[in-house]
Amino acid sequence: MKELLEHLNKAFESKARLGIMSALMVNDRLDFNALKELLDLTDGNLASHLKALEEGQYVEVQKQFVGRKPNTTYRATDAGRKAFAEHLKALEKLISGYR
């Protein structure tokens, strides 16, 4: 049991971060508002989780203007994709060990 838990990545333990990474794994890029609506999070909650993922180098941020409006998009980095895939494998092993 302890060995299985060691392979879980603490960066993805929260429901919000799990949702963010799941969404970014199946979409090339998503903007802030799309993530907010998809995950039903407040601006502040989403921003704090995205910041943590960015600091961990799991997500990449791109800021630009669309017309006169700022637009911030996010994408999973290669390292983020790899770490998240490993986290999911560890979860699957943990679940299958208890069937």
PDB file of N, CA and C in Angstrom:
ATOM      1  N   MET A   1       0.822  -1.194   0.000  1.00  0.00           N
ATOM      2  CA  MET A   1       0.000   0.000   0.000  1.00  0.00           C
ATOM      3  C   MET A   1       0.868   1.261   0.000  1.00  0.00           C
ATOM      4  N   LYS A   2       1.846   1.306   0.893  1.00  0.00           N
ATOM      5  CA  LYS A   2       2.702   2.484   1.010  1.00  0.00           C
ATOM      6  C   LYS A   2       3.434   2.752  -0.301  1.00  0.00           C
ATOM      7  N   GLU A   3       3.892   1.690  -0.943  1.00  0.00           N
ATOM      8  CA  GLU A   3       4.599   1.831  -2.225  1.00  0.00           C
ATOM      9  C   GLU A   3       3.684   2.422  -3.294  1.00  0.00           C
ATOM     10  N   LEU A   4       2.428   2.021  -3.312  1.00  0.00           N
ATOM     11  CA  LEU A   4       1.476   2.562  -4.286  1.00  0.00           C
ATOM     12  C   LEU A   4       1.220   4.043  -4.046  1.00  0.00           C
ATOM     13  N   LEU A   5       1.122   4.432  -2.797  1.00  0.00           N
ATOM     14  CA  LEU A   5       0.854   5.828  -2.465  1.00  0.00           C
ATOM     15  C   LEU A   5       2.045   6.730  -2.790  1.00  0.00           C
ATOM     16  N   GLU A   6       3.239   6.191  -2.746  1.00  0.00           N
ATOM     17  CA  GLU A   6       4.440   6.979  -3.034  1.00  0.00           C
ATOM     18  C   GLU A   6       4.469   7.478  -4.475  1.00  0.00           C
ATOM     19  N   HIS A   7       3.775   6.808  -5.369  1.00  0.00           N
ATOM     20  CA  HIS A   7       3.790   7.175  -6.786  1.00  0.00           C
ATOM     21  C   HIS A   7       2.731   8.216  -7.148  1.00  0.00           C
ATOM     22  N   LEU A   8       1.876   8.567  -6.190  1.00  0.00           N
ATOM     23  CA  LEU A   8       0.896   9.622  -6.438  1.00  0.00           C
ATOM     24  C   LEU A   8       1.606  10.978  -6.370  1.00  0.00           C
ATOM     25  N   ASN A   9       1.213  11.885  -7.239  1.00  0.00           N
ATOM     26  CA  ASN A   9       1.827  13.210  -7.299  1.00  0.00           C
ATOM     27  C   ASN A   9       0.973  14.191  -6.489  1.00  0.00           C
ATOM     28  N   LYS A  10       1.558  14.777  -5.451  1.00  0.00           N
ATOM     29  CA  LYS A  10       0.823  15.694  -4.581  1.00  0.00           C
ATOM     30  C   LYS A  10       0.265  16.896  -5.341  1.00  0.00           C
ATOM     31  N   ALA A  11       0.898  17.276  -6.442  1.00  0.00           N
ATOM     32  CA  ALA A  11       0.443  18.430  -7.224  1.00  0.00           C
ATOM     33  C   ALA A  11      -0.952  18.207  -7.801  1.00  0.00           C
ATOM     34  N   PHE A  12      -1.353  16.956  -7.942  1.00  0.00           N
ATOM     35  CA  PHE A  12      -2.644  16.638  -8.562  1.00  0.00           C
ATOM     36  C   PHE A  12      -3.665  16.094  -7.567  1.00  0.00           C
ATOM     37  N   GLU A  13      -3.421  16.225  -6.284  1.00  0.00           N
ATOM     38  CA  GLU A  13      -4.326  15.652  -5.288  1.00  0.00           C
ATOM     39  C   GLU A  13      -5.654  16.389  -5.164  1.00  0.00           C
ATOM     40  N   SER A  14      -5.654  17.696  -5.405  1.00  0.00           N
ATOM     41  CA  SER A  14      -6.917  18.426  -5.245  1.00  0.00           C
ATOM     42  C   SER A  14      -7.834  18.184  -6.437  1.00  0.00           C
ATOM     43  N   LYS A  15      -9.109  18.246  -6.160  1.00  0.00           N
ATOM     44  CA  LYS A  15     -10.128  18.039  -7.198  1.00  0.00           C
ATOM     45  C   LYS A  15      -9.969  19.071  -8.320  1.00  0.00           C
ATOM     46  N   ALA A  16      -9.676  20.304  -7.968  1.00  0.00           N
ATOM     47  CA  ALA A  16      -9.533  21.364  -8.971  1.00  0.00           C
ATOM     48  C   ALA A  16      -8.339  21.094  -9.889  1.00  0.00           C
ATOM     49  N   ARG A  17      -7.212  20.741  -9.316  1.00  0.00           N
ATOM     50  CA  ARG A  17      -6.012  20.488 -10.141  1.00  0.00           C
ATOM     51  C   ARG A  17      -6.173  19.235 -10.984  1.00  0.00           C
ATOM     52  N   LEU A  18      -6.835  18.246 -10.436  1.00  0.00           N
ATOM     53  CA  LEU A  18      -7.130  17.043 -11.206  1.00  0.00           C
ATOM     54  C   LEU A  18      -8.005  17.399 -12.402  1.00  0.00           C
ATOM     55  N   GLY A  19      -8.998  18.258 -12.178  1.00  0.00           N
ATOM     56  CA  GLY A  19      -9.879  18.700 -13.256  1.00  0.00           C
ATOM     57  C   GLY A  19      -9.157  19.544 -14.290  1.00  0.00           C
ATOM     58  N   ILE A  20      -8.316  20.465 -13.833  1.00  0.00           N
ATOM     59  CA  ILE A  20      -7.559  21.313 -14.754  1.00  0.00           C
ATOM     60  C   ILE A  20      -6.685  20.458 -15.663  1.00  0.00           C
ATOM     61  N   MET A  21      -5.928  19.565 -15.058  1.00  0.00           N
ATOM     62  CA  MET A  21      -5.025  18.735 -15.860  1.00  0.00           C
ATOM     63  C   MET A  21      -5.797  17.797 -16.775  1.00  0.00           C
ATOM     64  N   SER A  22      -6.906  17.260 -16.315  1.00  0.00           N
ATOM     65  CA  SER A  22      -7.717  16.384 -17.165  1.00  0.00           C
ATOM     66  C   SER A  22      -8.207  17.144 -18.386  1.00  0.00           C
ATOM     67  N   ALA A  23      -8.675  18.367 -18.180  1.00  0.00           N
ATOM     68  CA  ALA A  23      -9.170  19.186 -19.291  1.00  0.00           C
ATOM     69  C   ALA A  23      -8.042  19.534 -20.261  1.00  0.00           C
ATOM     70  N   LEU A  24      -6.862  19.829 -19.718  1.00  0.00           N
ATOM     71  CA  LEU A  24      -5.748  20.209 -20.587  1.00  0.00           C
ATOM     72  C   LEU A  24      -5.117  19.009 -21.300  1.00  0.00           C
ATOM     73  N   MET A  25      -5.349  17.824 -20.787  1.00  0.00           N
ATOM     74  CA  MET A  25      -4.825  16.630 -21.455  1.00  0.00           C
ATOM     75  C   MET A  25      -5.601  16.328 -22.735  1.00  0.00           C
ATOM     76  N   VAL A  26      -6.861  16.712 -22.788  1.00  0.00           N
ATOM     77  CA  VAL A  26      -7.678  16.402 -23.957  1.00  0.00           C
ATOM     78  C   VAL A  26      -7.930  17.611 -24.849  1.00  0.00           C
ATOM     79  N   ASN A  27      -7.423  18.763 -24.451  1.00  0.00           N
ATOM     80  CA  ASN A  27      -7.534  19.981 -25.252  1.00  0.00           C
ATOM     81  C   ASN A  27      -6.140  20.575 -25.405  1.00  0.00           C
ATOM     82  N   ASP A  28      -5.829  21.041 -26.591  1.00  0.00           N
ATOM     83  CA  ASP A  28      -4.512  21.639 -26.811  1.00  0.00           C
ATOM     84  C   ASP A  28      -4.311  22.844 -25.907  1.00  0.00           C
ATOM     85  N   ARG A  29      -5.293  23.739 -25.882  1.00  0.00           N
ATOM     86  CA  ARG A  29      -5.263  24.950 -25.050  1.00  0.00           C
ATOM     87  C   ARG A  29      -6.674  25.264 -24.603  1.00  0.00           C
ATOM     88  N   LEU A  30      -6.779  25.844 -23.425  1.00  0.00           N
ATOM     89  CA  LEU A  30      -8.066  26.347 -22.945  1.00  0.00           C
ATOM     90  C   LEU A  30      -7.824  27.707 -22.308  1.00  0.00           C
ATOM     91  N   ASP A  31      -8.784  28.616 -22.496  1.00  0.00           N
ATOM     92  CA  ASP A  31      -8.622  29.914 -21.855  1.00  0.00           C
ATOM     93  C   ASP A  31      -9.208  29.867 -20.447  1.00  0.00           C
ATOM     94  N   PHE A  32      -8.911  30.915 -19.698  1.00  0.00           N
ATOM     95  CA  PHE A  32      -9.307  30.983 -18.294  1.00  0.00           C
ATOM     96  C   PHE A  32     -10.811  30.799 -18.123  1.00  0.00           C
ATOM     97  N   ASN A  33     -11.588  31.521 -18.925  1.00  0.00           N
ATOM     98  CA  ASN A  33     -13.051  31.438 -18.778  1.00  0.00           C
ATOM     99  C   ASN A  33     -13.587  30.057 -19.111  1.00  0.00           C
ATOM    100  N   ALA A  34     -13.006  29.401 -20.106  1.00  0.00           N
ATOM    101  CA  ALA A  34     -13.454  28.048 -20.448  1.00  0.00           C
ATOM    102  C   ALA A  34     -13.185  27.088 -19.290  1.00  0.00           C
ATOM    103  N   LEU A  35     -12.004  27.191 -18.694  1.00  0.00           N
ATOM    104  CA  LEU A  35     -11.684  26.342 -17.543  1.00  0.00           C
ATOM    105  C   LEU A  35     -12.607  26.651 -16.366  1.00  0.00           C
ATOM    106  N   LYS A  36     -12.858  27.926 -16.144  1.00  0.00           N
ATOM    107  CA  LYS A  36     -13.720  28.342 -15.033  1.00  0.00           C
ATOM    108  C   LYS A  36     -15.126  27.762 -15.184  1.00  0.00           C
ATOM    109  N   GLU A  37     -15.684  27.841 -16.370  1.00  0.00           N
ATOM    110  CA  GLU A  37     -17.027  27.309 -16.616  1.00  0.00           C
ATOM    111  C   GLU A  37     -17.040  25.784 -16.551  1.00  0.00           C
ATOM    112  N   LEU A  38     -16.055  25.169 -17.176  1.00  0.00           N
ATOM    113  CA  LEU A  38     -15.985  23.711 -17.217  1.00  0.00           C
ATOM    114  C   LEU A  38     -15.894  23.109 -15.819  1.00  0.00           C
ATOM    115  N   LEU A  39     -15.091  23.736 -14.974  1.00  0.00           N
ATOM    116  CA  LEU A  39     -14.836  23.183 -13.643  1.00  0.00           C
ATOM    117  C   LEU A  39     -15.691  23.806 -12.549  1.00  0.00           C
ATOM    118  N   ASP A  40     -16.472  24.812 -12.912  1.00  0.00           N
ATOM    119  CA  ASP A  40     -17.347  25.500 -11.965  1.00  0.00           C
ATOM    120  C   ASP A  40     -16.561  26.006 -10.754  1.00  0.00           C
ATOM    121  N   LEU A  41     -15.503  26.780 -11.036  1.00  0.00           N
ATOM    122  CA  LEU A  41     -14.664  27.357  -9.995  1.00  0.00           C
ATOM    123  C   LEU A  41     -14.766  28.875 -10.019  1.00  0.00           C
ATOM    124  N   THR A  42     -14.467  29.492  -8.899  1.00  0.00           N
ATOM    125  CA  THR A  42     -14.420  30.952  -8.866  1.00  0.00           C
ATOM    126  C   THR A  42     -13.115  31.420  -9.503  1.00  0.00           C
ATOM    127  N   ASP A  43     -13.060  32.696  -9.862  1.00  0.00           N
ATOM    128  CA  ASP A  43     -11.841  33.256 -10.449  1.00  0.00           C
ATOM    129  C   ASP A  43     -10.633  33.026  -9.539  1.00  0.00           C
ATOM    130  N   GLY A  44     -10.787  33.368  -8.265  1.00  0.00           N
ATOM    131  CA  GLY A  44      -9.667  33.261  -7.332  1.00  0.00           C
ATOM    132  C   GLY A  44      -9.216  31.832  -7.108  1.00  0.00           C
ATOM    133  N   ASN A  45     -10.167  30.919  -6.988  1.00  0.00           N
ATOM    134  CA  ASN A  45      -9.837  29.515  -6.771  1.00  0.00           C
ATOM    135  C   ASN A  45      -9.100  28.943  -7.976  1.00  0.00           C
ATOM    136  N   LEU A  46      -9.628  29.200  -9.164  1.00  0.00           N
ATOM    137  CA  LEU A  46      -8.985  28.712 -10.378  1.00  0.00           C
ATOM    138  C   LEU A  46      -7.593  29.320 -10.528  1.00  0.00           C
ATOM    139  N   ALA A  47      -7.490  30.621 -10.313  1.00  0.00           N
ATOM    140  CA  ALA A  47      -6.201  31.305 -10.473  1.00  0.00           C
ATOM    141  C   ALA A  47      -5.145  30.732  -9.532  1.00  0.00           C
ATOM    142  N   SER A  48      -5.521  30.439  -8.298  1.00  0.00           N
ATOM    143  CA  SER A  48      -4.535  29.913  -7.349  1.00  0.00           C
ATOM    144  C   SER A  48      -4.063  28.515  -7.738  1.00  0.00           C
ATOM    145  N   HIS A  49      -4.980  27.690  -8.215  1.00  0.00           N
ATOM    146  CA  HIS A  49      -4.588  26.339  -8.639  1.00  0.00           C
ATOM    147  C   HIS A  49      -3.750  26.384  -9.917  1.00  0.00           C
ATOM    148  N   LEU A  50      -4.114  27.257 -10.840  1.00  0.00           N
ATOM    149  CA  LEU A  50      -3.317  27.398 -12.064  1.00  0.00           C
ATOM    150  C   LEU A  50      -1.916  27.904 -11.745  1.00  0.00           C
ATOM    151  N   LYS A  51      -1.815  28.826 -10.805  1.00  0.00           N
ATOM    152  CA  LYS A  51      -0.513  29.362 -10.407  1.00  0.00           C
ATOM    153  C   LYS A  51       0.368  28.251  -9.843  1.00  0.00           C
ATOM    154  N   ALA A  52      -0.197  27.405  -9.002  1.00  0.00           N
ATOM    155  CA  ALA A  52       0.561  26.292  -8.424  1.00  0.00           C
ATOM    156  C   ALA A  52       1.030  25.329  -9.513  1.00  0.00           C
ATOM    157  N   LEU A  53       0.159  25.036 -10.475  1.00  0.00           N
ATOM    158  CA  LEU A  53       0.540  24.144 -11.572  1.00  0.00           C
ATOM    159  C   LEU A  53       1.593  24.798 -12.465  1.00  0.00           C
ATOM    160  N   GLU A  54       1.482  26.102 -12.639  1.00  0.00           N
ATOM    161  CA  GLU A  54       2.477  26.824 -13.433  1.00  0.00           C
ATOM    162  C   GLU A  54       3.834  26.804 -12.719  1.00  0.00           C
ATOM    163  N   GLU A  55       3.846  27.047 -11.421  1.00  0.00           N
ATOM    164  CA  GLU A  55       5.089  27.024 -10.652  1.00  0.00           C
ATOM    165  C   GLU A  55       5.742  25.648 -10.677  1.00  0.00           C
ATOM    166  N   GLY A  56       4.932  24.612 -10.736  1.00  0.00           N
ATOM    167  CA  GLY A  56       5.448  23.248 -10.837  1.00  0.00           C
ATOM    168  C   GLY A  56       5.854  22.874 -12.250  1.00  0.00           C
ATOM    169  N   GLN A  57       5.669  23.793 -13.173  1.00  0.00           N
ATOM    170  CA  GLN A  57       5.980  23.616 -14.590  1.00  0.00           C
ATOM    171  C   GLN A  57       5.145  22.515 -15.239  1.00  0.00           C
ATOM    172  N   TYR A  58       3.908  22.373 -14.740  1.00  0.00           N
ATOM    173  CA  TYR A  58       2.975  21.420 -15.322  1.00  0.00           C
ATOM    174  C   TYR A  58       2.099  22.068 -16.386  1.00  0.00           C
ATOM    175  N   VAL A  59       1.901  23.375 -16.273  1.00  0.00           N
ATOM    176  CA  VAL A  59       1.131  24.113 -17.277  1.00  0.00           C
ATOM    177  C   VAL A  59       1.922  25.326 -17.740  1.00  0.00           C
ATOM    178  N   GLU A  60       1.627  25.726 -18.965  1.00  0.00           N
ATOM    179  CA  GLU A  60       2.249  26.892 -19.573  1.00  0.00           C
ATOM    180  C   GLU A  60       1.164  27.931 -19.814  1.00  0.00           C
ATOM    181  N   VAL A  61       1.491  29.178 -19.560  1.00  0.00           N
ATOM    182  CA  VAL A  61       0.545  30.275 -19.693  1.00  0.00           C
ATOM    183  C   VAL A  61       0.927  31.139 -20.887  1.00  0.00           C
ATOM    184  N   GLN A  62      -0.079  31.528 -21.655  1.00  0.00           N
ATOM    185  CA  GLN A  62       0.145  32.461 -22.765  1.00  0.00           C
ATOM    186  C   GLN A  62      -0.856  33.598 -22.623  1.00  0.00           C
ATOM    187  N   LYS A  63      -0.322  34.816 -22.519  1.00  0.00           N
ATOM    188  CA  LYS A  63      -1.185  35.998 -22.398  1.00  0.00           C
ATOM    189  C   LYS A  63      -1.101  36.790 -23.685  1.00  0.00           C
ATOM    190  N   GLN A  64      -2.261  37.187 -24.174  1.00  0.00           N
ATOM    191  CA  GLN A  64      -2.325  37.967 -25.412  1.00  0.00           C
ATOM    192  C   GLN A  64      -3.597  38.811 -25.383  1.00  0.00           C
ATOM    193  N   PHE A  65      -3.740  39.656 -26.351  1.00  0.00           N
ATOM    194  CA  PHE A  65      -4.957  40.451 -26.487  1.00  0.00           C
ATOM    195  C   PHE A  65      -5.734  39.960 -27.691  1.00  0.00           C
ATOM    196  N   VAL A  66      -7.031  39.831 -27.523  1.00  0.00           N
ATOM    197  CA  VAL A  66      -7.935  39.522 -28.621  1.00  0.00           C
ATOM    198  C   VAL A  66      -8.777  40.775 -28.777  1.00  0.00           C
ATOM    199  N   GLY A  67      -8.476  41.525 -29.814  1.00  0.00           N
ATOM    200  CA  GLY A  67      -9.067  42.855 -29.933  1.00  0.00           C
ATOM    201  C   GLY A  67      -8.476  43.713 -28.833  1.00  0.00           C
ATOM    202  N   ARG A  68      -9.329  44.228 -27.999  1.00  0.00           N
ATOM    203  CA  ARG A  68      -8.868  45.044 -26.875  1.00  0.00           C
ATOM    204  C   ARG A  68      -8.922  44.306 -25.544  1.00  0.00           C
ATOM    205  N   LYS A  69      -9.349  43.060 -25.590  1.00  0.00           N
ATOM    206  CA  LYS A  69      -9.523  42.297 -24.356  1.00  0.00           C
ATOM    207  C   LYS A  69      -8.341  41.351 -24.121  1.00  0.00           C
ATOM    208  N   PRO A  70      -7.869  41.304 -22.880  1.00  0.00           N
ATOM    209  CA  PRO A  70      -6.807  40.337 -22.567  1.00  0.00           C
ATOM    210  C   PRO A  70      -7.370  38.915 -22.594  1.00  0.00           C
ATOM    211  N   ASN A  71      -6.559  37.987 -23.057  1.00  0.00           N
ATOM    212  CA  ASN A  71      -6.962  36.588 -23.123  1.00  0.00           C
ATOM    213  C   ASN A  71      -5.791  35.746 -22.639  1.00  0.00           C
ATOM    214  N   THR A  72      -6.038  34.952 -21.624  1.00  0.00           N
ATOM    215  CA  THR A  72      -5.006  34.081 -21.062  1.00  0.00           C
ATOM    216  C   THR A  72      -5.383  32.643 -21.357  1.00  0.00           C
ATOM    217  N   THR A  73      -4.467  31.936 -22.005  1.00  0.00           N
ATOM    218  CA  THR A  73      -4.714  30.529 -22.309  1.00  0.00           C
ATOM    219  C   THR A  73      -3.681  29.668 -21.589  1.00  0.00           C
ATOM    220  N   TYR A  74      -4.056  28.429 -21.396  1.00  0.00           N
ATOM    221  CA  TYR A  74      -3.218  27.475 -20.673  1.00  0.00           C
ATOM    222  C   TYR A  74      -3.099  26.203 -21.486  1.00  0.00           C
ATOM    223  N   ARG A  75      -1.940  25.583 -21.372  1.00  0.00           N
ATOM    224  CA  ARG A  75      -1.743  24.274 -21.981  1.00  0.00           C
ATOM    225  C   ARG A  75      -0.854  23.447 -21.065  1.00  0.00           C
ATOM    226  N   ALA A  76      -1.022  22.142 -21.117  1.00  0.00           N
ATOM    227  CA  ALA A  76      -0.172  21.252 -20.332  1.00  0.00           C
ATOM    228  C   ALA A  76       1.188  21.170 -21.007  1.00  0.00           C
ATOM    229  N   THR A  77       2.245  21.286 -20.225  1.00  0.00           N
ATOM    230  CA  THR A  77       3.595  21.135 -20.769  1.00  0.00           C
ATOM    231  C   THR A  77       3.868  19.650 -21.001  1.00  0.00           C
ATOM    232  N   ASP A  78       4.928  19.350 -21.707  1.00  0.00           N
ATOM    233  CA  ASP A  78       5.307  17.948 -21.896  1.00  0.00           C
ATOM    234  C   ASP A  78       5.579  17.281 -20.551  1.00  0.00           C
ATOM    235  N   ALA A  79       6.270  18.011 -19.668  1.00  0.00           N
ATOM    236  CA  ALA A  79       6.551  17.466 -18.335  1.00  0.00           C
ATOM    237  C   ALA A  79       5.253  17.274 -17.550  1.00  0.00           C
ATOM    238  N   GLY A  80       4.315  18.200 -17.719  1.00  0.00           N
ATOM    239  CA  GLY A  80       3.019  18.085 -17.052  1.00  0.00           C
ATOM    240  C   GLY A  80       2.226  16.893 -17.547  1.00  0.00           C
ATOM    241  N   ARG A  81       2.249  16.681 -18.863  1.00  0.00           N
ATOM    242  CA  ARG A  81       1.548  15.525 -19.439  1.00  0.00           C
ATOM    243  C   ARG A  81       2.130  14.221 -18.910  1.00  0.00           C
ATOM    244  N   LYS A  82       3.444  14.166 -18.845  1.00  0.00           N
ATOM    245  CA  LYS A  82       4.112  12.953 -18.373  1.00  0.00           C
ATOM    246  C   LYS A  82       3.799  12.713 -16.897  1.00  0.00           C
ATOM    247  N   ALA A  83       3.925  13.755 -16.082  1.00  0.00           N
ATOM    248  CA  ALA A  83       3.663  13.619 -14.645  1.00  0.00           C
ATOM    249  C   ALA A  83       2.212  13.239 -14.380  1.00  0.00           C
ATOM    250  N   PHE A  84       1.288  13.825 -15.142  1.00  0.00           N
ATOM    251  CA  PHE A  84      -0.122  13.509 -14.932  1.00  0.00           C
ATOM    252  C   PHE A  84      -0.432  12.077 -15.362  1.00  0.00           C
ATOM    253  N   ALA A  85       0.146  11.641 -16.465  1.00  0.00           N
ATOM    254  CA  ALA A  85      -0.054  10.264 -16.914  1.00  0.00           C
ATOM    255  C   ALA A  85       0.477   9.282 -15.871  1.00  0.00           C
ATOM    256  N   GLU A  86       1.621   9.590 -15.274  1.00  0.00           N
ATOM    257  CA  GLU A  86       2.177   8.731 -14.227  1.00  0.00           C
ATOM    258  C   GLU A  86       1.287   8.729 -12.989  1.00  0.00           C
ATOM    259  N   HIS A  87       0.714   9.873 -12.665  1.00  0.00           N
ATOM    260  CA  HIS A  87      -0.212   9.976 -11.529  1.00  0.00           C
ATOM    261  C   HIS A  87      -1.444   9.098 -11.785  1.00  0.00           C
ATOM    262  N   LEU A  88      -1.985   9.156 -12.995  1.00  0.00           N
ATOM    263  CA  LEU A  88      -3.156   8.339 -13.324  1.00  0.00           C
ATOM    264  C   LEU A  88      -2.830   6.852 -13.266  1.00  0.00           C
ATOM    265  N   LYS A  89      -1.644   6.478 -13.729  1.00  0.00           N
ATOM    266  CA  LYS A  89      -1.241   5.061 -13.639  1.00  0.00           C
ATOM    267  C   LYS A  89      -1.164   4.616 -12.185  1.00  0.00           C
ATOM    268  N   ALA A  90      -0.635   5.475 -11.328  1.00  0.00           N
ATOM    269  CA  ALA A  90      -0.542   5.142  -9.904  1.00  0.00           C
ATOM    270  C   ALA A  90      -1.932   4.999  -9.294  1.00  0.00           C
ATOM    271  N   LEU A  91      -2.859   5.868  -9.681  1.00  0.00           N
ATOM    272  CA  LEU A  91      -4.247   5.754  -9.196  1.00  0.00           C
ATOM    273  C   LEU A  91      -4.878   4.442  -9.655  1.00  0.00           C
ATOM    274  N   GLU A  92      -4.647   4.083 -10.923  1.00  0.00           N
ATOM    275  CA  GLU A  92      -5.206   2.837 -11.454  1.00  0.00           C
ATOM    276  C   GLU A  92      -4.658   1.626 -10.700  1.00  0.00           C
ATOM    277  N   LYS A  93      -3.357   1.641 -10.405  1.00  0.00           N
ATOM    278  CA  LYS A  93      -2.762   0.536  -9.645  1.00  0.00           C
ATOM    279  C   LYS A  93      -3.347   0.468  -8.241  1.00  0.00           C
ATOM    280  N   LEU A  94      -3.539   1.620  -7.640  1.00  0.00           N
ATOM    281  CA  LEU A  94      -4.110   1.663  -6.304  1.00  0.00           C
ATOM    282  C   LEU A  94      -5.525   1.106  -6.303  1.00  0.00           C
ATOM    283  N   ILE A  95      -6.331   1.512  -7.271  1.00  0.00           N
ATOM    284  CA  ILE A  95      -7.711   1.042  -7.361  1.00  0.00           C
ATOM    285  C   ILE A  95      -7.762  -0.456  -7.672  1.00  0.00           C
ATOM    286  N   SER A  96      -6.951  -0.903  -8.604  1.00  0.00           N
ATOM    287  CA  SER A  96      -6.989  -2.319  -8.986  1.00  0.00           C
ATOM    288  C   SER A  96      -6.487  -3.218  -7.870  1.00  0.00           C
ATOM    289  N   GLY A  97      -5.688  -2.684  -6.982  1.00  0.00           N
ATOM    290  CA  GLY A  97      -5.190  -3.473  -5.846  1.00  0.00           C
ATOM    291  C   GLY A  97      -6.260  -3.728  -4.811  1.00  0.00           C
ATOM    292  N   TYR A  98      -7.357  -2.998  -4.882  1.00  0.00           N
ATOM    293  CA  TYR A  98      -8.425  -3.146  -3.881  1.00  0.00           C
ATOM    294  C   TYR A  98      -9.681  -3.761  -4.459  1.00  0.00           C
ATOM    295  N   ARG A  99      -9.585  -4.373  -5.598  1.00  0.00           N
ATOM    296  CA  ARG A  99     -10.772  -5.023  -6.192  1.00  0.00           C
ATOM    297  C   ARG A  99     -10.887  -6.432  -5.720  1.00  0.00           C
TER     298      ARG A  99
END
